[in-house]
Amino acid sequence: MMVHMSDTMEAPEEVAVEEEIAILIPRYHVVLLDDNDHTYEYVIEMLMKVFGHSKELAYSMACEVDRAGRVIVDTTTKERAELKRDQIHSYGADWRIEHCRGSMSAIIEPAE
């Protein structure tokens, strides 16, 4: 006796199951600290150049750092946060203020 597979029966297909694994990379805040040696114009210009922020966002952040003494200007990976902090530190003095001798200060801190 000969057995034939029916036309309606199909051989089982191999199904590839991809497993997604979420890798959580710790995030860090770049925090700009206030001082009295830099103008709003300087802060806005620096934030636009270093972070690519819009003029409106940079102005809002300048107001916040002036009011609260600090403002988070970016949240990113640790390596990029360190780079951006260093770029703030090396941005230079505010030429609009005669007694200004250097850049603003910034720190990085873990984002919660």
PDB file of N, CA and C in Angstrom:
ATOM      1  N   MET A   1       0.829  -1.161   0.000  1.00  0.00           N
ATOM      2  CA  MET A   1       0.000   0.000   0.000  1.00  0.00           C
ATOM      3  C   MET A   1       0.884   1.238   0.000  1.00  0.00           C
ATOM      4  N   MET A   2       0.527   2.176  -0.860  1.00  0.00           N
ATOM      5  CA  MET A   2       1.306   3.385  -1.005  1.00  0.00           C
ATOM      6  C   MET A   2       0.543   4.536  -0.347  1.00  0.00           C
ATOM      7  N   VAL A   3       1.244   5.352   0.481  1.00  0.00           N
ATOM      8  CA  VAL A   3       0.600   6.464   1.173  1.00  0.00           C
ATOM      9  C   VAL A   3       1.066   7.762   0.507  1.00  0.00           C
ATOM     10  N   HIS A   4       0.111   8.633   0.154  1.00  0.00           N
ATOM     11  CA  HIS A   4       0.424   9.916  -0.461  1.00  0.00           C
ATOM     12  C   HIS A   4       0.042  11.035   0.494  1.00  0.00           C
ATOM     13  N   MET A   5       0.842  12.074   0.501  1.00  0.00           N
ATOM     14  CA  MET A   5       0.484  13.256   1.296  1.00  0.00           C
ATOM     15  C   MET A   5      -0.604  13.979   0.549  1.00  0.00           C
ATOM     16  N   SER A   6      -1.575  14.398   1.273  1.00  0.00           N
ATOM     17  CA  SER A   6      -2.655  15.134   0.641  1.00  0.00           C
ATOM     18  C   SER A   6      -2.147  16.501   0.226  1.00  0.00           C
ATOM     19  N   ASP A   7      -2.768  17.088  -0.772  1.00  0.00           N
ATOM     20  CA  ASP A   7      -2.375  18.408  -1.236  1.00  0.00           C
ATOM     21  C   ASP A   7      -2.628  19.472  -0.177  1.00  0.00           C
ATOM     22  N   THR A   8      -3.492  19.217   0.764  1.00  0.00           N
ATOM     23  CA  THR A   8      -3.814  20.203   1.776  1.00  0.00           C
ATOM     24  C   THR A   8      -2.851  20.149   2.947  1.00  0.00           C
ATOM     25  N   MET A   9      -2.087  19.120   3.063  1.00  0.00           N
ATOM     26  CA  MET A   9      -1.129  19.020   4.157  1.00  0.00           C
ATOM     27  C   MET A   9       0.193  19.634   3.734  1.00  0.00           C
ATOM     28  N   GLU A  10       0.748  20.404   4.609  1.00  0.00           N
ATOM     29  CA  GLU A  10       2.037  21.028   4.319  1.00  0.00           C
ATOM     30  C   GLU A  10       3.046  20.581   5.353  1.00  0.00           C
ATOM     31  N   ALA A  11       4.247  20.545   4.942  1.00  0.00           N
ATOM     32  CA  ALA A  11       5.317  20.196   5.872  1.00  0.00           C
ATOM     33  C   ALA A  11       5.483  21.346   6.856  1.00  0.00           C
ATOM     34  N   PRO A  12       5.757  21.059   8.105  1.00  0.00           N
ATOM     35  CA  PRO A  12       5.931  22.138   9.089  1.00  0.00           C
ATOM     36  C   PRO A  12       7.076  23.053   8.676  1.00  0.00           C
ATOM     37  N   GLU A  13       6.840  24.355   8.854  1.00  0.00           N
ATOM     38  CA  GLU A  13       7.876  25.339   8.527  1.00  0.00           C
ATOM     39  C   GLU A  13       8.678  25.664   9.771  1.00  0.00           C
ATOM     40  N   GLU A  14       9.940  25.910   9.548  1.00  0.00           N
ATOM     41  CA  GLU A  14      10.781  26.334  10.650  1.00  0.00           C
ATOM     42  C   GLU A  14      10.535  27.811  10.882  1.00  0.00           C
ATOM     43  N   VAL A  15      10.249  28.150  12.102  1.00  0.00           N
ATOM     44  CA  VAL A  15       9.984  29.544  12.437  1.00  0.00           C
ATOM     45  C   VAL A  15      11.141  30.058  13.276  1.00  0.00           C
ATOM     46  N   ALA A  16      11.751  31.111  12.783  1.00  0.00           N
ATOM     47  CA  ALA A  16      12.855  31.716  13.538  1.00  0.00           C
ATOM     48  C   ALA A  16      12.260  32.656  14.572  1.00  0.00           C
ATOM     49  N   VAL A  17      12.624  32.446  15.788  1.00  0.00           N
ATOM     50  CA  VAL A  17      12.137  33.298  16.870  1.00  0.00           C
ATOM     51  C   VAL A  17      13.294  34.184  17.300  1.00  0.00           C
ATOM     52  N   GLU A  18      13.086  35.488  17.091  1.00  0.00           N
ATOM     53  CA  GLU A  18      14.115  36.432  17.511  1.00  0.00           C
ATOM     54  C   GLU A  18      13.788  36.919  18.907  1.00  0.00           C
ATOM     55  N   GLU A  19      14.774  36.847  19.736  1.00  0.00           N
ATOM     56  CA  GLU A  19      14.587  37.302  21.103  1.00  0.00           C
ATOM     57  C   GLU A  19      15.177  38.696  21.235  1.00  0.00           C
ATOM     58  N   GLU A  20      14.367  39.627  21.664  1.00  0.00           N
ATOM     59  CA  GLU A  20      14.860  40.979  21.867  1.00  0.00           C
ATOM     60  C   GLU A  20      15.330  41.124  23.297  1.00  0.00           C
ATOM     61  N   ILE A  21      16.517  41.638  23.425  1.00  0.00           N
ATOM     62  CA  ILE A  21      17.080  41.857  24.750  1.00  0.00           C
ATOM     63  C   ILE A  21      17.292  43.358  24.901  1.00  0.00           C
ATOM     64  N   ALA A  22      16.669  43.923  25.896  1.00  0.00           N
ATOM     65  CA  ALA A  22      16.821  45.356  26.148  1.00  0.00           C
ATOM     66  C   ALA A  22      18.082  45.579  26.974  1.00  0.00           C
ATOM     67  N   ILE A  23      18.936  46.405  26.448  1.00  0.00           N
ATOM     68  CA  ILE A  23      20.151  46.768  27.171  1.00  0.00           C
ATOM     69  C   ILE A  23      19.950  48.200  27.637  1.00  0.00           C
ATOM     70  N   LEU A  24      19.915  48.367  28.924  1.00  0.00           N
ATOM     71  CA  LEU A  24      19.698  49.687  29.485  1.00  0.00           C
ATOM     72  C   LEU A  24      21.040  50.368  29.724  1.00  0.00           C
ATOM     73  N   ILE A  25      21.243  51.456  29.009  1.00  0.00           N
ATOM     74  CA  ILE A  25      22.472  52.229  29.159  1.00  0.00           C
ATOM     75  C   ILE A  25      22.180  53.353  30.146  1.00  0.00           C
ATOM     76  N   PRO A  26      22.959  53.453  31.213  1.00  0.00           N
ATOM     77  CA  PRO A  26      22.706  54.522  32.190  1.00  0.00           C
ATOM     78  C   PRO A  26      22.760  55.897  31.524  1.00  0.00           C
ATOM     79  N   ARG A  27      21.860  56.764  31.929  1.00  0.00           N
ATOM     80  CA  ARG A  27      21.769  58.113  31.381  1.00  0.00           C
ATOM     81  C   ARG A  27      22.326  59.103  32.399  1.00  0.00           C
ATOM     82  N   TYR A  28      22.869  60.190  31.881  1.00  0.00           N
ATOM     83  CA  TYR A  28      23.450  61.232  32.727  1.00  0.00           C
ATOM     84  C   TYR A  28      22.941  62.595  32.295  1.00  0.00           C
ATOM     85  N   HIS A  29      22.732  63.459  33.292  1.00  0.00           N
ATOM     86  CA  HIS A  29      22.355  64.846  33.035  1.00  0.00           C
ATOM     87  C   HIS A  29      23.614  65.695  32.933  1.00  0.00           C
ATOM     88  N   VAL A  30      23.608  66.622  31.986  1.00  0.00           N
ATOM     89  CA  VAL A  30      24.614  67.683  31.952  1.00  0.00           C
ATOM     90  C   VAL A  30      23.933  68.876  32.606  1.00  0.00           C
ATOM     91  N   VAL A  31      24.496  69.352  33.710  1.00  0.00           N
ATOM     92  CA  VAL A  31      23.883  70.419  34.497  1.00  0.00           C
ATOM     93  C   VAL A  31      24.749  71.669  34.410  1.00  0.00           C
ATOM     94  N   LEU A  32      24.156  72.744  33.905  1.00  0.00           N
ATOM     95  CA  LEU A  32      24.830  74.035  33.829  1.00  0.00           C
ATOM     96  C   LEU A  32      24.611  74.763  35.146  1.00  0.00           C
ATOM     97  N   LEU A  33      25.711  75.320  35.699  1.00  0.00           N
ATOM     98  CA  LEU A  33      25.637  76.014  36.985  1.00  0.00           C
ATOM     99  C   LEU A  33      25.709  77.527  36.776  1.00  0.00           C
ATOM    100  N   ASP A  34      24.962  78.253  37.584  1.00  0.00           N
ATOM    101  CA  ASP A  34      24.874  79.714  37.453  1.00  0.00           C
ATOM    102  C   ASP A  34      26.102  80.404  38.020  1.00  0.00           C
ATOM    103  N   ASP A  35      26.369  81.556  37.477  1.00  0.00           N
ATOM    104  CA  ASP A  35      27.358  82.480  38.037  1.00  0.00           C
ATOM    105  C   ASP A  35      26.957  83.884  37.605  1.00  0.00           C
ATOM    106  N   ASN A  36      27.656  84.869  38.087  1.00  0.00           N
ATOM    107  CA  ASN A  36      27.327  86.263  37.738  1.00  0.00           C
ATOM    108  C   ASN A  36      28.294  86.845  36.715  1.00  0.00           C
ATOM    109  N   ASP A  37      29.067  85.992  36.073  1.00  0.00           N
ATOM    110  CA  ASP A  37      30.097  86.462  35.148  1.00  0.00           C
ATOM    111  C   ASP A  37      29.757  86.224  33.677  1.00  0.00           C
ATOM    112  N   HIS A  38      28.522  85.852  33.384  1.00  0.00           N
ATOM    113  CA  HIS A  38      28.133  85.586  32.003  1.00  0.00           C
ATOM    114  C   HIS A  38      26.739  86.166  31.740  1.00  0.00           C
ATOM    115  N   THR A  39      26.576  86.728  30.555  1.00  0.00           N
ATOM    116  CA  THR A  39      25.294  87.338  30.180  1.00  0.00           C
ATOM    117  C   THR A  39      24.331  86.281  29.641  1.00  0.00           C
ATOM    118  N   TYR A  40      23.065  86.654  29.584  1.00  0.00           N
ATOM    119  CA  TYR A  40      22.063  85.792  28.961  1.00  0.00           C
ATOM    120  C   TYR A  40      22.468  85.487  27.522  1.00  0.00           C
ATOM    121  N   GLU A  41      22.979  86.496  26.827  1.00  0.00           N
ATOM    122  CA  GLU A  41      23.380  86.316  25.433  1.00  0.00           C
ATOM    123  C   GLU A  41      24.446  85.232  25.306  1.00  0.00           C
ATOM    124  N   TYR A  42      25.412  85.247  26.231  1.00  0.00           N
ATOM    125  CA  TYR A  42      26.473  84.245  26.233  1.00  0.00           C
ATOM    126  C   TYR A  42      25.883  82.850  26.421  1.00  0.00           C
ATOM    127  N   VAL A  43      25.013  82.702  27.426  1.00  0.00           N
ATOM    128  CA  VAL A  43      24.419  81.398  27.733  1.00  0.00           C
ATOM    129  C   VAL A  43      23.631  80.884  26.527  1.00  0.00           C
ATOM    130  N   ILE A  44      22.814  81.742  25.944  1.00  0.00           N
ATOM    131  CA  ILE A  44      21.999  81.352  24.797  1.00  0.00           C
ATOM    132  C   ILE A  44      22.894  80.926  23.631  1.00  0.00           C
ATOM    133  N   GLU A  45      23.892  81.748  23.330  1.00  0.00           N
ATOM    134  CA  GLU A  45      24.823  81.449  22.234  1.00  0.00           C
ATOM    135  C   GLU A  45      25.542  80.121  22.464  1.00  0.00           C
ATOM    136  N   MET A  46      26.035  79.911  23.688  1.00  0.00           N
ATOM    137  CA  MET A  46      26.770  78.692  24.018  1.00  0.00           C
ATOM    138  C   MET A  46      25.874  77.459  23.902  1.00  0.00           C
ATOM    139  N   LEU A  47      24.653  77.525  24.424  1.00  0.00           N
ATOM    140  CA  LEU A  47      23.743  76.376  24.365  1.00  0.00           C
ATOM    141  C   LEU A  47      23.339  76.047  22.932  1.00  0.00           C
ATOM    142  N   MET A  48      23.169  77.058  22.116  1.00  0.00           N
ATOM    143  CA  MET A  48      22.831  76.827  20.715  1.00  0.00           C
ATOM    144  C   MET A  48      24.000  76.154  19.989  1.00  0.00           C
ATOM    145  N   LYS A  49      25.209  76.616  20.257  1.00  0.00           N
ATOM    146  CA  LYS A  49      26.381  76.083  19.556  1.00  0.00           C
ATOM    147  C   LYS A  49      26.778  74.692  20.068  1.00  0.00           C
ATOM    148  N   VAL A  50      26.848  74.521  21.369  1.00  0.00           N
ATOM    149  CA  VAL A  50      27.319  73.256  21.940  1.00  0.00           C
ATOM    150  C   VAL A  50      26.273  72.144  21.833  1.00  0.00           C
ATOM    151  N   PHE A  51      24.991  72.491  22.039  1.00  0.00           N
ATOM    152  CA  PHE A  51      23.946  71.461  22.076  1.00  0.00           C
ATOM    153  C   PHE A  51      23.002  71.486  20.881  1.00  0.00           C
ATOM    154  N   GLY A  52      23.067  72.550  20.080  1.00  0.00           N
ATOM    155  CA  GLY A  52      22.138  72.652  18.963  1.00  0.00           C
ATOM    156  C   GLY A  52      20.728  73.015  19.393  1.00  0.00           C
ATOM    157  N   HIS A  53      20.595  73.576  20.604  1.00  0.00           N
ATOM    158  CA  HIS A  53      19.270  73.985  21.086  1.00  0.00           C
ATOM    159  C   HIS A  53      18.759  75.181  20.280  1.00  0.00           C
ATOM    160  N   SER A  54      17.451  75.272  20.188  1.00  0.00           N
ATOM    161  CA  SER A  54      16.847  76.433  19.540  1.00  0.00           C
ATOM    162  C   SER A  54      17.056  77.656  20.421  1.00  0.00           C
ATOM    163  N   LYS A  55      16.894  78.835  19.837  1.00  0.00           N
ATOM    164  CA  LYS A  55      17.048  80.074  20.599  1.00  0.00           C
ATOM    165  C   LYS A  55      16.028  80.139  21.731  1.00  0.00           C
ATOM    166  N   GLU A  56      14.820  79.671  21.465  1.00  0.00           N
ATOM    167  CA  GLU A  56      13.750  79.697  22.476  1.00  0.00           C
ATOM    168  C   GLU A  56      14.085  78.781  23.648  1.00  0.00           C
ATOM    169  N   LEU A  57      14.541  77.561  23.349  1.00  0.00           N
ATOM    170  CA  LEU A  57      14.896  76.625  24.418  1.00  0.00           C
ATOM    171  C   LEU A  57      16.105  77.141  25.194  1.00  0.00           C
ATOM    172  N   ALA A  58      17.102  77.657  24.487  1.00  0.00           N
ATOM    173  CA  ALA A  58      18.293  78.189  25.147  1.00  0.00           C
ATOM    174  C   ALA A  58      17.932  79.355  26.064  1.00  0.00           C
ATOM    175  N   TYR A  59      17.021  80.224  25.614  1.00  0.00           N
ATOM    176  CA  TYR A  59      16.577  81.347  26.452  1.00  0.00           C
ATOM    177  C   TYR A  59      15.872  80.829  27.701  1.00  0.00           C
ATOM    178  N   SER A  60      15.016  79.848  27.533  1.00  0.00           N
ATOM    179  CA  SER A  60      14.305  79.256  28.666  1.00  0.00           C
ATOM    180  C   SER A  60      15.285  78.660  29.679  1.00  0.00           C
ATOM    181  N   MET A  61      16.305  77.995  29.186  1.00  0.00           N
ATOM    182  CA  MET A  61      17.325  77.411  30.067  1.00  0.00           C
ATOM    183  C   MET A  61      18.150  78.497  30.753  1.00  0.00           C
ATOM    184  N   ALA A  62      18.445  79.581  30.045  1.00  0.00           N
ATOM    185  CA  ALA A  62      19.178  80.703  30.644  1.00  0.00           C
ATOM    186  C   ALA A  62      18.367  81.302  31.790  1.00  0.00           C
ATOM    187  N   CYS A  63      17.068  81.428  31.599  1.00  0.00           N
ATOM    188  CA  CYS A  63      16.194  81.949  32.664  1.00  0.00           C
ATOM    189  C   CYS A  63      16.190  81.007  33.861  1.00  0.00           C
ATOM    190  N   GLU A  64      16.128  79.704  33.588  1.00  0.00           N
ATOM    191  CA  GLU A  64      16.089  78.706  34.664  1.00  0.00           C
ATOM    192  C   GLU A  64      17.391  78.684  35.460  1.00  0.00           C
ATOM    193  N   VAL A  65      18.536  78.724  34.789  1.00  0.00           N
ATOM    194  CA  VAL A  65      19.808  78.705  35.513  1.00  0.00           C
ATOM    195  C   VAL A  65      19.960  79.974  36.348  1.00  0.00           C
ATOM    196  N   ASP A  66      19.470  81.091  35.850  1.00  0.00           N
ATOM    197  CA  ASP A  66      19.526  82.351  36.595  1.00  0.00           C
ATOM    198  C   ASP A  66      18.611  82.301  37.818  1.00  0.00           C
ATOM    199  N   ARG A  67      17.443  81.706  37.653  1.00  0.00           N
ATOM    200  CA  ARG A  67      16.453  81.636  38.731  1.00  0.00           C
ATOM    201  C   ARG A  67      16.800  80.579  39.776  1.00  0.00           C
ATOM    202  N   ALA A  68      17.154  79.380  39.305  1.00  0.00           N
ATOM    203  CA  ALA A  68      17.331  78.243  40.213  1.00  0.00           C
ATOM    204  C   ALA A  68      18.787  77.936  40.554  1.00  0.00           C
ATOM    205  N   GLY A  69      19.728  78.524  39.818  1.00  0.00           N
ATOM    206  CA  GLY A  69      21.141  78.259  40.082  1.00  0.00           C
ATOM    207  C   GLY A  69      21.701  77.094  39.298  1.00  0.00           C
ATOM    208  N   ARG A  70      20.846  76.375  38.622  1.00  0.00           N
ATOM    209  CA  ARG A  70      21.268  75.219  37.824  1.00  0.00           C
ATOM    210  C   ARG A  70      20.158  74.843  36.860  1.00  0.00           C
ATOM    211  N   VAL A  71      20.541  74.214  35.764  1.00  0.00           N
ATOM    212  CA  VAL A  71      19.550  73.739  34.796  1.00  0.00           C
ATOM    213  C   VAL A  71      20.135  72.532  34.069  1.00  0.00           C
ATOM    214  N   ILE A  72      19.296  71.523  33.830  1.00  0.00           N
ATOM    215  CA  ILE A  72      19.713  70.368  33.031  1.00  0.00           C
ATOM    216  C   ILE A  72      19.629  70.787  31.571  1.00  0.00           C
ATOM    217  N   VAL A  73      20.764  70.713  30.875  1.00  0.00           N
ATOM    218  CA  VAL A  73      20.787  71.142  29.476  1.00  0.00           C
ATOM    219  C   VAL A  73      20.827  69.967  28.496  1.00  0.00           C
ATOM    220  N   ASP A  74      21.056  68.749  29.011  1.00  0.00           N
ATOM    221  CA  ASP A  74      21.061  67.558  28.161  1.00  0.00           C
ATOM    222  C   ASP A  74      21.015  66.325  29.047  1.00  0.00           C
ATOM    223  N   THR A  75      20.442  65.248  28.528  1.00  0.00           N
ATOM    224  CA  THR A  75      20.459  63.948  29.191  1.00  0.00           C
ATOM    225  C   THR A  75      20.891  62.941  28.142  1.00  0.00           C
ATOM    226  N   THR A  76      21.962  62.212  28.437  1.00  0.00           N
ATOM    227  CA  THR A  76      22.591  61.393  27.414  1.00  0.00           C
ATOM    228  C   THR A  76      23.441  60.301  28.055  1.00  0.00           C
ATOM    229  N   THR A  77      24.263  59.655  27.258  1.00  0.00           N
ATOM    230  CA  THR A  77      25.198  58.651  27.785  1.00  0.00           C
ATOM    231  C   THR A  77      26.295  59.349  28.594  1.00  0.00           C
ATOM    232  N   LYS A  78      26.969  58.578  29.421  1.00  0.00           N
ATOM    233  CA  LYS A  78      28.023  59.158  30.256  1.00  0.00           C
ATOM    234  C   LYS A  78      29.136  59.771  29.410  1.00  0.00           C
ATOM    235  N   GLU A  79      29.547  59.074  28.365  1.00  0.00           N
ATOM    236  CA  GLU A  79      30.645  59.570  27.530  1.00  0.00           C
ATOM    237  C   GLU A  79      30.269  60.886  26.848  1.00  0.00           C
ATOM    238  N   ARG A  80      29.052  60.969  26.316  1.00  0.00           N
ATOM    239  CA  ARG A  80      28.626  62.202  25.648  1.00  0.00           C
ATOM    240  C   ARG A  80      28.428  63.320  26.677  1.00  0.00           C
ATOM    241  N   ALA A  81      27.916  62.977  27.857  1.00  0.00           N
ATOM    242  CA  ALA A  81      27.744  63.976  28.920  1.00  0.00           C
ATOM    243  C   ALA A  81      29.092  64.571  29.312  1.00  0.00           C
ATOM    244  N   GLU A  82      30.105  63.722  29.438  1.00  0.00           N
ATOM    245  CA  GLU A  82      31.449  64.219  29.770  1.00  0.00           C
ATOM    246  C   GLU A  82      31.980  65.133  28.667  1.00  0.00           C
ATOM    247  N   LEU A  83      31.759  64.751  27.424  1.00  0.00           N
ATOM    248  CA  LEU A  83      32.192  65.574  26.297  1.00  0.00           C
ATOM    249  C   LEU A  83      31.501  66.939  26.318  1.00  0.00           C
ATOM    250  N   LYS A  84      30.185  66.944  26.516  1.00  0.00           N
ATOM    251  CA  LYS A  84      29.432  68.201  26.516  1.00  0.00           C
ATOM    252  C   LYS A  84      29.822  69.084  27.702  1.00  0.00           C
ATOM    253  N   ARG A  85      30.048  68.478  28.869  1.00  0.00           N
ATOM    254  CA  ARG A  85      30.531  69.241  30.030  1.00  0.00           C
ATOM    255  C   ARG A  85      31.863  69.900  29.694  1.00  0.00           C
ATOM    256  N   ASP A  86      32.756  69.135  29.086  1.00  0.00           N
ATOM    257  CA  ASP A  86      34.073  69.665  28.725  1.00  0.00           C
ATOM    258  C   ASP A  86      33.964  70.772  27.670  1.00  0.00           C
ATOM    259  N   GLN A  87      33.008  70.648  26.754  1.00  0.00           N
ATOM    260  CA  GLN A  87      32.799  71.696  25.757  1.00  0.00           C
ATOM    261  C   GLN A  87      32.305  72.986  26.412  1.00  0.00           C
ATOM    262  N   ILE A  88      31.456  72.859  27.421  1.00  0.00           N
ATOM    263  CA  ILE A  88      31.015  74.043  28.179  1.00  0.00           C
ATOM    264  C   ILE A  88      32.223  74.689  28.857  1.00  0.00           C
ATOM    265  N   HIS A  89      33.049  73.851  29.499  1.00  0.00           N
ATOM    266  CA  HIS A  89      34.214  74.364  30.227  1.00  0.00           C
ATOM    267  C   HIS A  89      35.232  75.030  29.307  1.00  0.00           C
ATOM    268  N   SER A  90      35.253  74.648  28.057  1.00  0.00           N
ATOM    269  CA  SER A  90      36.243  75.215  27.139  1.00  0.00           C
ATOM    270  C   SER A  90      35.653  76.269  26.194  1.00  0.00           C
ATOM    271  N   TYR A  91      34.414  76.662  26.426  1.00  0.00           N
ATOM    272  CA  TYR A  91      33.760  77.596  25.512  1.00  0.00           C
ATOM    273  C   TYR A  91      34.401  78.987  25.539  1.00  0.00           C
ATOM    274  N   GLY A  92      34.982  79.355  26.642  1.00  0.00           N
ATOM    275  CA  GLY A  92      35.684  80.641  26.714  1.00  0.00           C
ATOM    276  C   GLY A  92      34.916  81.694  27.494  1.00  0.00           C
ATOM    277  N   ALA A  93      35.575  82.794  27.691  1.00  0.00           N
ATOM    278  CA  ALA A  93      35.020  83.903  28.481  1.00  0.00           C
ATOM    279  C   ALA A  93      33.946  84.650  27.699  1.00  0.00           C
ATOM    280  N   ASP A  94      33.109  85.347  28.441  1.00  0.00           N
ATOM    281  CA  ASP A  94      32.081  86.206  27.854  1.00  0.00           C
ATOM    282  C   ASP A  94      32.707  87.567  27.564  1.00  0.00           C
ATOM    283  N   TRP A  95      32.931  87.878  26.309  1.00  0.00           N
ATOM    284  CA  TRP A  95      33.586  89.130  25.922  1.00  0.00           C
ATOM    285  C   TRP A  95      32.761  90.358  26.282  1.00  0.00           C
ATOM    286  N   ARG A  96      31.487  90.150  26.611  1.00  0.00           N
ATOM    287  CA  ARG A  96      30.611  91.275  26.950  1.00  0.00           C
ATOM    288  C   ARG A  96      30.862  91.797  28.368  1.00  0.00           C
ATOM    289  N   ILE A  97      31.517  90.978  29.192  1.00  0.00           N
ATOM    290  CA  ILE A  97      31.782  91.352  30.587  1.00  0.00           C
ATOM    291  C   ILE A  97      33.295  91.429  30.777  1.00  0.00           C
ATOM    292  N   GLU A  98      33.780  92.611  31.086  1.00  0.00           N
ATOM    293  CA  GLU A  98      35.221  92.859  31.166  1.00  0.00           C
ATOM    294  C   GLU A  98      35.920  91.957  32.180  1.00  0.00           C
ATOM    295  N   HIS A  99      35.299  91.734  33.347  1.00  0.00           N
ATOM    296  CA  HIS A  99      35.965  90.946  34.384  1.00  0.00           C
ATOM    297  C   HIS A  99      35.779  89.434  34.219  1.00  0.00           C
ATOM    298  N   CYS A 100      35.063  88.995  33.203  1.00  0.00           N
ATOM    299  CA  CYS A 100      34.867  87.560  32.962  1.00  0.00           C
ATOM    300  C   CYS A 100      36.184  86.936  32.506  1.00  0.00           C
ATOM    301  N   ARG A 101      36.597  85.903  33.192  1.00  0.00           N
ATOM    302  CA  ARG A 101      37.892  85.281  32.898  1.00  0.00           C
ATOM    303  C   ARG A 101      37.796  83.873  32.319  1.00  0.00           C
ATOM    304  N   GLY A 102      36.617  83.338  32.192  1.00  0.00           N
ATOM    305  CA  GLY A 102      36.535  81.965  31.686  1.00  0.00           C
ATOM    306  C   GLY A 102      35.121  81.523  31.398  1.00  0.00           C
ATOM    307  N   SER A 103      35.001  80.256  31.118  1.00  0.00           N
ATOM    308  CA  SER A 103      33.732  79.643  30.748  1.00  0.00           C
ATOM    309  C   SER A 103      32.841  79.432  31.970  1.00  0.00           C
ATOM    310  N   MET A 104      31.625  79.030  31.699  1.00  0.00           N
ATOM    311  CA  MET A 104      30.709  78.665  32.780  1.00  0.00           C
ATOM    312  C   MET A 104      31.081  77.286  33.312  1.00  0.00           C
ATOM    313  N   SER A 105      30.506  76.939  34.435  1.00  0.00           N
ATOM    314  CA  SER A 105      30.749  75.628  35.050  1.00  0.00           C
ATOM    315  C   SER A 105      29.574  74.701  34.773  1.00  0.00           C
ATOM    316  N   ALA A 106      29.903  73.428  34.668  1.00  0.00           N
ATOM    317  CA  ALA A 106      28.882  72.406  34.480  1.00  0.00           C
ATOM    318  C   ALA A 106      29.350  71.132  35.162  1.00  0.00           C
ATOM    319  N   ILE A 107      28.397  70.316  35.535  1.00  0.00           N
ATOM    320  CA  ILE A 107      28.683  69.011  36.130  1.00  0.00           C
ATOM    321  C   ILE A 107      27.843  67.967  35.407  1.00  0.00           C
ATOM    322  N   ILE A 108      28.177  66.709  35.617  1.00  0.00           N
ATOM    323  CA  ILE A 108      27.290  65.638  35.171  1.00  0.00           C
ATOM    324  C   ILE A 108      26.835  64.865  36.400  1.00  0.00           C
ATOM    325  N   GLU A 109      25.627  64.337  36.324  1.00  0.00           N
ATOM    326  CA  GLU A 109      25.097  63.538  37.422  1.00  0.00           C
ATOM    327  C   GLU A 109      24.184  62.457  36.849  1.00  0.00           C
ATOM    328  N   PRO A 110      24.103  61.319  37.519  1.00  0.00           N
ATOM    329  CA  PRO A 110      23.235  60.262  37.009  1.00  0.00           C
ATOM    330  C   PRO A 110      21.777  60.725  36.918  1.00  0.00           C
ATOM    331  N   ALA A 111      21.127  60.358  35.843  1.00  0.00           N
ATOM    332  CA  ALA A 111      19.698  60.658  35.709  1.00  0.00           C
ATOM    333  C   ALA A 111      18.953  59.575  36.480  1.00  0.00           C
ATOM    334  N   GLU A 112      17.976  59.954  37.229  1.00  0.00           N
ATOM    335  CA  GLU A 112      17.232  58.975  38.044  1.00  0.00           C
ATOM    336  C   GLU A 112      16.134  58.351  37.223  1.00  0.00           C
TER     337      GLU A 112
END
